[in-house]
Protein backbone atom coordinates (compact mmCIF):
# COMPACT_ATOMS: atom_id res chain seq x y z
CA MET A 1 -53.82 1.88 -8.15
CA LYS A 2 -55.85 0.57 -5.24
CA ARG A 3 -59.52 0.13 -6.16
CA HIS A 4 -62.20 0.47 -3.55
CA PRO A 5 -64.84 -2.23 -3.86
CA ASN A 6 -67.69 0.32 -3.56
CA MET A 7 -66.31 2.63 -6.29
CA SER A 8 -68.23 2.80 -9.54
CA GLU A 9 -66.53 2.09 -12.84
CA LYS A 10 -66.64 5.80 -13.80
CA GLU A 11 -65.02 6.82 -10.48
CA GLN A 12 -62.29 4.23 -10.99
CA GLN A 13 -61.59 5.59 -14.50
CA ASP A 14 -61.43 9.17 -13.18
CA GLN A 15 -58.96 8.13 -10.47
CA LEU A 16 -56.81 6.27 -13.00
CA PHE A 17 -56.80 9.38 -15.25
CA ARG A 18 -55.72 11.62 -12.36
CA GLU A 19 -52.85 9.23 -11.47
CA ASP A 20 -51.66 9.07 -15.07
CA GLU A 21 -51.83 12.86 -15.34
CA SER A 22 -49.84 13.44 -12.13
CA SER A 23 -47.06 10.91 -12.87
CA PRO A 24 -44.30 12.11 -15.25
CA PRO A 25 -43.61 10.19 -18.45
CA PRO A 26 -40.94 7.51 -18.15
CA SER A 27 -38.41 9.45 -20.23
CA ALA A 28 -38.83 12.79 -18.42
CA GLN A 29 -36.75 11.96 -15.35
CA PRO A 30 -33.67 10.71 -17.23
CA ALA A 31 -33.78 13.82 -19.44
CA VAL A 32 -33.84 16.13 -16.42
CA THR A 33 -30.99 14.18 -14.80
CA SER A 34 -28.94 14.34 -18.00
CA ALA A 35 -29.46 18.11 -18.31
CA SER A 36 -28.48 18.64 -14.67
CA SER A 37 -25.38 16.49 -15.10
CA ALA A 38 -24.37 18.43 -18.22
CA LYS A 39 -24.79 21.73 -16.37
CA GLN A 40 -22.67 20.46 -13.47
CA ASP A 41 -20.04 19.28 -15.94
CA SER A 42 -19.90 22.70 -17.63
CA LEU A 43 -19.70 24.60 -14.33
CA PHE A 44 -16.95 22.30 -13.08
CA ARG A 45 -14.90 22.89 -16.23
CA LEU A 46 -15.26 26.65 -15.83
CA PHE A 47 -14.24 26.31 -12.16
CA LEU A 48 -11.08 24.46 -13.21
CA LEU A 49 -10.43 27.09 -15.88
CA PHE A 50 -10.67 29.87 -13.27
CA LEU A 51 -8.28 28.10 -10.87
CA MET A 52 -5.81 27.35 -13.64
CA ALA A 53 -5.81 30.95 -14.86
CA ALA A 54 -5.33 32.29 -11.30
CA GLN A 55 -2.41 29.90 -10.69
CA ASN A 56 -0.70 30.75 -13.98
CA THR A 57 -1.10 34.47 -13.33
CA SER A 58 0.43 34.20 -9.87
CA VAL A 59 3.38 32.15 -11.11
CA VAL A 60 4.13 34.62 -13.92
CA LEU A 61 4.03 37.65 -11.61
CA LEU A 62 6.12 36.05 -8.87
CA SER A 63 8.66 34.64 -11.33
CA ARG A 64 9.01 38.02 -12.97
CA TYR A 65 9.47 39.67 -9.58
CA THR A 66 12.18 37.22 -8.47
CA ARG A 67 14.13 37.28 -11.76
CA ALA A 68 13.85 40.84 -13.07
CA GLY A 69 16.36 43.35 -11.76
CA VAL A 70 18.09 40.80 -9.49
CA ASN A 71 21.87 40.61 -9.47
CA LYS A 72 23.29 37.55 -11.20
CA GLU A 73 25.00 36.47 -7.98
CA ASP A 74 21.70 36.50 -6.08
CA LEU A 75 19.63 34.52 -8.61
CA TYR A 76 18.54 31.00 -7.69
CA VAL A 77 19.68 28.11 -9.86
CA ILE A 78 16.99 26.91 -12.29
CA ASN A 79 17.60 23.22 -11.60
CA ASP A 80 17.27 23.84 -7.85
CA MET A 81 13.88 25.50 -8.35
CA VAL A 82 12.69 22.62 -10.55
CA MET A 83 13.88 20.00 -8.05
CA VAL A 84 12.35 21.65 -4.97
CA SER A 85 9.07 22.20 -6.84
CA GLU A 86 8.93 18.54 -7.86
CA MET A 87 9.72 17.43 -4.30
CA ALA A 88 6.82 19.56 -3.02
CA LYS A 89 4.61 18.15 -5.78
CA PHE A 90 5.54 14.63 -4.68
CA ILE A 91 4.50 15.42 -1.09
CA PHE A 92 1.21 17.03 -2.18
CA ALA A 93 0.35 14.13 -4.50
CA ALA A 94 1.19 11.54 -1.83
CA ALA A 95 -1.05 13.34 0.68
CA LEU A 96 -3.93 13.41 -1.82
CA GLU A 97 -3.39 9.73 -2.63
CA GLN A 98 -3.44 8.98 1.10
CA ASN A 99 -6.83 10.70 1.31
CA HIS A 100 -8.07 9.04 -1.88
CA THR A 101 -7.21 5.53 -0.64
CA ASN A 102 -8.58 6.17 2.86
CA GLY A 103 -5.19 5.80 4.51
CA HIS A 104 -3.83 2.95 2.36
CA LEU A 105 -0.98 4.88 0.73
CA VAL A 106 1.58 2.09 1.30
CA LYS A 107 -0.74 -0.45 -0.29
CA SER A 108 -1.23 1.85 -3.28
CA PHE A 109 2.54 2.23 -3.65
CA ARG A 110 2.96 -1.55 -3.58
CA GLU A 111 0.16 -2.25 -6.10
CA ASN A 112 0.91 0.55 -8.57
CA ILE A 113 4.71 0.81 -8.42
CA ILE A 114 6.43 -2.22 -6.91
CA GLU A 115 4.15 -4.90 -8.38
CA ARG A 116 3.69 -3.10 -11.74
CA PRO A 117 6.97 -1.32 -12.55
CA ILE A 118 6.37 -1.39 -16.31
CA ASP A 119 3.12 0.55 -15.93
CA ALA A 120 4.84 3.09 -13.67
CA LEU A 121 7.70 3.52 -16.14
CA LYS A 122 5.22 4.85 -18.72
CA ILE A 123 5.21 8.10 -16.74
CA LEU A 124 8.95 8.49 -17.30
CA ILE A 125 8.31 9.91 -20.79
CA PRO A 126 6.13 12.91 -19.77
CA SER A 127 8.33 13.46 -16.71
CA LEU A 128 11.39 13.90 -18.92
CA LEU A 129 9.49 16.10 -21.39
CA TYR A 130 8.11 18.34 -18.66
CA LEU A 131 11.54 18.70 -17.07
CA VAL A 132 13.06 19.69 -20.43
CA GLN A 133 10.19 22.11 -20.99
CA ASN A 134 10.60 23.82 -17.61
CA SER A 135 14.34 24.20 -18.07
CA LEU A 136 13.96 25.56 -21.61
CA LEU A 137 11.36 28.10 -20.49
CA TYR A 138 13.92 29.74 -18.21
CA VAL A 139 16.42 29.73 -21.09
CA ALA A 140 13.84 31.31 -23.40
CA ILE A 141 12.74 34.02 -20.98
CA SER A 142 16.40 34.85 -20.32
CA ASN A 143 17.04 35.44 -24.04
CA LEU A 144 13.75 37.02 -25.12
CA THR A 145 11.86 40.02 -23.90
CA ALA A 146 8.79 39.12 -21.85
CA PRO A 147 6.28 40.13 -24.58
CA MET A 148 8.18 38.19 -27.26
CA PHE A 149 8.38 35.13 -25.01
CA GLN A 150 4.65 35.16 -24.26
CA VAL A 151 3.73 35.60 -27.93
CA CYS A 152 5.92 32.71 -29.05
CA TYR A 153 4.90 30.41 -26.20
CA GLN A 154 1.23 30.60 -27.21
CA CYS A 155 2.13 28.38 -30.17
CA LYS A 156 1.68 25.49 -27.73
CA LEU A 157 -2.10 25.95 -28.03
CA LEU A 158 -2.05 24.96 -31.67
CA THR A 159 0.63 22.29 -31.22
CA THR A 160 -1.42 20.73 -28.39
CA ALA A 161 -4.56 20.66 -30.52
CA ILE A 162 -2.69 19.08 -33.45
CA VAL A 163 -1.05 16.46 -31.23
CA SER A 164 -4.46 15.71 -29.65
CA VAL A 165 -5.87 14.99 -33.08
CA ILE A 166 -2.96 12.69 -33.94
CA MET A 167 -2.59 10.79 -30.64
CA LEU A 168 -6.15 10.81 -29.26
CA GLN A 169 -8.12 10.97 -32.53
CA ARG A 170 -9.89 14.00 -31.07
CA LYS A 171 -12.10 15.94 -33.43
CA TYR A 172 -12.54 19.71 -33.31
CA SER A 173 -15.05 21.73 -35.24
CA LEU A 174 -14.12 24.57 -37.55
CA LYS A 175 -15.51 26.94 -34.92
CA GLN A 176 -13.08 25.59 -32.32
CA TRP A 177 -10.09 25.87 -34.65
CA VAL A 178 -11.07 29.49 -35.29
CA CYS A 179 -11.26 30.03 -31.51
CA LEU A 180 -7.78 28.59 -31.00
CA THR A 181 -6.35 30.77 -33.76
CA ALA A 182 -8.16 33.85 -32.47
CA LEU A 183 -6.85 33.15 -28.97
CA GLY A 184 -3.26 33.17 -30.18
CA ILE A 185 -3.89 36.41 -32.11
CA GLY A 186 -5.52 37.98 -29.06
CA VAL A 187 -2.60 37.08 -26.81
CA ALA A 188 -0.18 38.54 -29.36
CA ILE A 189 -2.14 41.80 -29.44
CA VAL A 190 -2.16 42.01 -25.64
CA VAL A 191 1.55 41.49 -25.07
CA LEU A 192 2.61 43.62 -28.01
CA GLY A 193 0.38 46.37 -26.67
CA ALA A 194 2.14 46.06 -23.31
CA GLN A 195 5.48 46.18 -25.11
CA ASP A 196 4.69 49.72 -26.26
CA GLY A 197 4.42 50.72 -22.61
CA GLY A 198 6.61 50.26 -19.58
CA SER A 199 7.29 46.58 -20.22
CA SER A 200 9.23 47.34 -23.39
CA LYS A 201 12.37 48.02 -21.41
CA THR A 202 14.84 45.19 -21.64
CA ASP A 203 17.06 43.91 -18.90
CA ASP A 204 20.55 45.17 -19.62
CA GLN A 205 22.09 42.98 -16.94
CA ASN A 206 21.88 39.85 -19.07
CA ALA A 207 22.91 39.48 -22.69
CA GLN A 208 20.11 38.17 -24.92
CA ASN A 209 20.35 35.81 -27.86
CA LEU A 210 17.27 35.93 -30.09
CA ALA A 211 18.04 32.72 -31.99
CA ALA A 212 18.67 30.74 -28.79
CA GLY A 213 15.50 32.09 -27.20
CA LEU A 214 13.30 31.26 -30.20
CA LEU A 215 14.79 27.76 -30.47
CA ALA A 216 14.24 27.16 -26.75
CA VAL A 217 10.62 28.32 -26.78
CA THR A 218 9.87 26.26 -29.94
CA ILE A 219 11.20 23.05 -28.38
CA ALA A 220 9.36 23.89 -25.14
CA CYS A 221 6.07 24.18 -27.06
CA LEU A 222 6.59 20.77 -28.64
CA CYS A 223 7.56 19.20 -25.30
CA SER A 224 4.50 20.71 -23.63
CA ALA A 225 2.17 19.38 -26.34
CA PHE A 226 3.56 15.83 -26.43
CA ALA A 227 3.89 15.55 -22.63
CA GLY A 228 0.42 16.89 -21.91
CA VAL A 229 -1.38 14.77 -24.50
CA TYR A 230 0.60 11.64 -23.59
CA PHE A 231 -0.23 12.15 -19.90
CA GLU A 232 -3.89 12.67 -20.79
CA LYS A 233 -3.86 9.42 -22.76
CA VAL A 234 -2.31 7.54 -19.84
CA LEU A 235 -4.85 8.98 -17.39
CA LYS A 236 -7.89 8.22 -19.51
CA ARG A 237 -7.07 4.87 -21.06
CA PRO A 238 -8.25 1.71 -19.25
CA THR A 239 -5.64 -0.05 -17.13
CA VAL A 240 -4.95 -3.64 -18.20
CA ASP A 241 -3.10 -6.21 -16.09
CA GLY A 242 -2.36 -9.59 -17.65
CA GLY A 243 -4.99 -9.08 -20.33
CA GLN A 244 -7.68 -8.27 -17.78
CA ALA A 245 -9.05 -4.81 -17.01
CA ARG A 246 -8.41 -3.49 -13.51
CA ALA A 247 -9.23 -0.35 -11.60
CA PRO A 248 -7.50 2.65 -13.18
CA VAL A 249 -4.57 4.23 -11.40
CA SER A 250 -5.65 7.47 -9.74
CA MET A 251 -4.32 10.72 -11.12
CA TRP A 252 -2.74 11.44 -7.71
CA MET A 253 -0.67 8.26 -7.95
CA ARG A 254 0.28 9.22 -11.50
CA ASN A 255 1.49 12.56 -10.15
CA VAL A 256 3.49 10.75 -7.45
CA GLN A 257 5.17 8.71 -10.17
CA MET A 258 5.83 11.75 -12.36
CA ALA A 259 7.24 13.84 -9.49
CA PHE A 260 9.50 10.95 -8.42
CA PHE A 261 10.98 10.56 -11.90
CA SER A 262 11.38 14.35 -12.23
CA VAL A 263 13.31 14.54 -8.96
CA CYS A 264 15.58 11.70 -10.07
CA ILE A 265 16.28 13.42 -13.40
CA ALA A 266 16.93 16.73 -11.62
CA LEU A 267 19.39 14.98 -9.31
CA VAL A 268 21.26 13.60 -12.32
CA ASN A 269 21.35 17.09 -13.82
CA MET A 270 22.73 18.50 -10.57
CA MET A 271 25.54 15.95 -10.51
CA ARG A 272 26.40 16.79 -14.12
CA GLU A 273 26.37 20.56 -13.57
CA THR A 274 29.64 22.40 -13.83
CA ASP A 275 30.60 25.28 -11.54
CA ASP A 276 30.14 27.77 -14.37
CA ALA A 277 26.66 26.41 -15.07
CA ARG A 278 25.57 26.79 -11.44
CA GLY A 279 27.12 30.23 -11.12
CA TYR A 280 29.01 31.94 -8.33
CA THR A 281 27.93 33.84 -5.25
CA GLY A 282 30.42 36.66 -5.79
CA GLU A 283 32.35 35.74 -2.66
CA ILE A 284 35.83 34.24 -2.39
CA ASN A 285 36.57 31.07 -0.46
CA GLU A 286 39.29 31.97 2.02
CA ASP A 287 40.71 28.44 2.11
CA THR A 288 41.05 27.88 -1.64
CA ASN A 289 41.07 31.51 -2.75
CA GLN A 290 38.55 30.52 -5.42
CA PRO A 291 35.08 31.97 -6.17
CA MET A 292 32.36 30.26 -4.14
CA VAL A 293 29.92 28.19 -6.19
CA LYS A 294 26.25 28.69 -5.45
CA PRO A 295 25.09 26.10 -2.89
CA PHE A 296 21.82 24.20 -3.14
CA MET A 297 18.79 26.52 -2.86
CA HIS A 298 20.97 29.62 -3.06
CA GLY A 299 18.86 32.75 -3.57
CA PHE A 300 15.64 31.20 -2.27
CA THR A 301 13.59 33.99 -0.69
CA ALA A 302 10.03 33.95 0.61
CA TYR A 303 8.84 34.77 -2.91
CA ALA A 304 10.82 31.83 -4.31
CA TYR A 305 9.12 29.51 -1.82
CA GLY A 306 5.82 30.98 -2.95
CA ILE A 307 6.66 29.93 -6.51
CA VAL A 308 7.44 26.43 -5.24
CA LEU A 309 4.02 26.13 -3.59
CA LEU A 310 2.24 27.52 -6.64
CA GLN A 311 4.13 25.18 -8.97
CA ALA A 312 3.40 22.16 -6.78
CA GLY A 313 -0.28 23.04 -6.43
CA GLY A 314 -0.40 23.84 -10.13
CA GLY A 315 0.86 20.36 -10.94
CA MET A 316 -2.10 18.87 -9.12
CA LEU A 317 -4.44 21.31 -10.86
CA VAL A 318 -3.04 20.46 -14.29
CA ALA A 319 -3.73 16.76 -13.64
CA ALA A 320 -7.32 17.59 -12.66
CA VAL A 321 -7.82 19.70 -15.80
CA ILE A 322 -6.41 16.96 -18.05
CA LYS A 323 -8.45 14.27 -16.28
CA TYR A 324 -11.82 16.02 -16.14
CA ALA A 325 -11.57 18.38 -19.11
CA ASP A 326 -8.81 18.17 -21.72
CA ASN A 327 -5.32 19.41 -22.40
CA VAL A 328 -6.40 22.24 -24.71
CA LEU A 329 -8.54 23.76 -21.94
CA LYS A 330 -5.30 23.98 -19.94
CA GLY A 331 -3.82 26.02 -22.78
CA MET A 332 -6.89 28.25 -22.88
CA ALA A 333 -6.40 28.99 -19.18
CA THR A 334 -2.82 29.98 -19.94
CA GLY A 335 -4.07 32.44 -22.55
CA VAL A 336 -6.48 34.02 -20.08
CA SER A 337 -3.70 34.29 -17.51
CA VAL A 338 -1.64 36.38 -19.94
CA VAL A 339 -4.36 39.03 -19.91
CA THR A 340 -4.75 39.01 -16.13
CA ALA A 341 -0.98 38.99 -15.57
CA THR A 342 -0.55 41.97 -17.86
CA PHE A 343 -3.39 43.78 -16.09
CA PHE A 344 -1.92 43.28 -12.61
CA SER A 345 1.56 44.15 -13.86
CA THR A 346 0.31 47.70 -14.40
CA PHE A 347 0.20 48.10 -10.62
CA LEU A 348 3.28 46.03 -9.75
CA PHE A 349 5.70 46.88 -12.56
CA GLY A 350 4.26 50.03 -14.10
CA THR A 351 3.16 48.45 -17.38
CA THR A 352 1.09 50.91 -19.45
CA LEU A 353 -2.13 49.53 -20.98
CA SER A 354 -3.53 50.73 -24.28
CA GLY A 355 -6.41 50.15 -26.63
CA GLN A 356 -4.56 47.11 -27.93
CA PHE A 357 -4.90 45.50 -24.51
CA ALA A 358 -8.67 46.01 -24.50
CA LEU A 359 -8.96 44.61 -28.03
CA GLY A 360 -6.77 41.58 -27.31
CA ALA A 361 -8.48 40.89 -23.97
CA GLY A 362 -11.87 40.95 -25.65
CA ILE A 363 -10.74 38.51 -28.35
CA ILE A 364 -9.31 36.13 -25.74
CA LEU A 365 -12.36 36.15 -23.47
CA VAL A 366 -14.78 35.66 -26.38
CA SER A 367 -12.61 32.81 -27.72
CA VAL A 368 -12.61 31.10 -24.31
CA TYR A 369 -16.39 31.42 -24.02
CA LEU A 370 -17.11 30.07 -27.49
CA PHE A 371 -14.62 27.23 -27.18
CA SER A 372 -15.72 26.09 -23.71
CA ASN A 373 -19.37 26.05 -24.80
CA ASP A 374 -18.60 23.71 -27.68
CA MET A 375 -16.37 21.06 -26.16
CA PRO A 376 -14.62 18.65 -28.53
CA THR A 377 -15.89 15.16 -29.15
CA CYS A 378 -13.57 12.19 -29.37
CA GLY A 379 -13.45 9.83 -32.27
CA ARG A 380 -12.13 6.58 -30.85
CA VAL A 381 -11.51 7.80 -27.34
CA LYS A 382 -14.75 8.50 -25.53
CA LYS A 383 -14.98 11.38 -23.11
CA GLU A 384 -15.24 10.27 -19.51
CA LYS A 385 -18.19 11.56 -17.58
CA ILE A 386 -17.55 13.15 -14.21
CA SER A 387 -19.29 11.28 -11.47
CA ALA A 388 -20.71 13.13 -8.50
CA VAL A 389 -18.21 11.44 -6.20
CA GLU A 390 -15.21 12.46 -8.32
CA MET A 391 -16.46 16.02 -8.68
CA ASN A 392 -17.20 16.50 -4.99
CA SER A 393 -13.76 15.22 -4.05
CA LEU A 394 -12.12 18.07 -5.96
CA LEU A 395 -14.49 20.92 -5.18
CA PRO A 396 -13.48 23.15 -2.24
CA LYS A 397 -15.25 22.42 1.01
């Protein structure tokens, strides 16, 4: 406070009182900033949840459209779809890493892959698990009805939570465990309600094996849980080089590494595939008088390319969800997508909705709200705060 030499002592005290009254207490500003940051964090998580649910819904509807009612000779090969999707994911991740490093993509490749191959090889484990999961999902959906597949696949919500507790020492409240259980029950009610309608018709073109389908979806749930939690641990743990901490590898570079390993594994699978495994086009080769084996990318239509783009973009979105939220929130988005996919299937595939759908949808939406408003706290692994720079780089412009 500047004191005028001609001011009386009483006037100086009054001025000092007015200044003290107008200035906020020292602790007020940090509290306001913390509340604003928490609100931004919550809104960003909900934004990621919305994007994840929309992507999952689109993939389910397009996959159903390209597989259901299609002749066996016209179907695309599963391994081809996985390989092309991973190649697109590699391109997307490399482009985002190029933007993240301000044009120093080659330098990032050299520092994070060539100079540190052991660190890069850690991504080989989730890459293999995800590839096995994606392949088994097609096996499961080929041997189970769509409602049965969706009910069984929701077991990954609980397996992911259990693996998170074991590998990340994450702690969930009783309320959150109830939400996870209620979510699985809600999804079961929704899809079983749809089964009573138009979606209960099975595809007679393909023989179904219940035991094989249940085994495939069970292993896929375990692969999804271990791969997702392991990838989350790799993304969030500090990077150490020679005993000294260094800047963490960006999630875009981690996706480049994962997509690269997935493409390599898919190439090995392609070389090991037999003609019977790939399938035949239904045409006869005039030179050899033998059935023609499906060539690479056989059966790829515009809708199949749409699935490729959605899968590639979804891979980037999954990494963002795991990095800035957690792996269980990804599973919650999958549960929400079941409701939305069933709703839109009423217009596309003639699925009949019932009171069961309304009941299940209500349970799922309430579970998502209660769970997302009581985020889990970590025991040994502390939750990373989202900085304004990181958040703005992912928000749409």
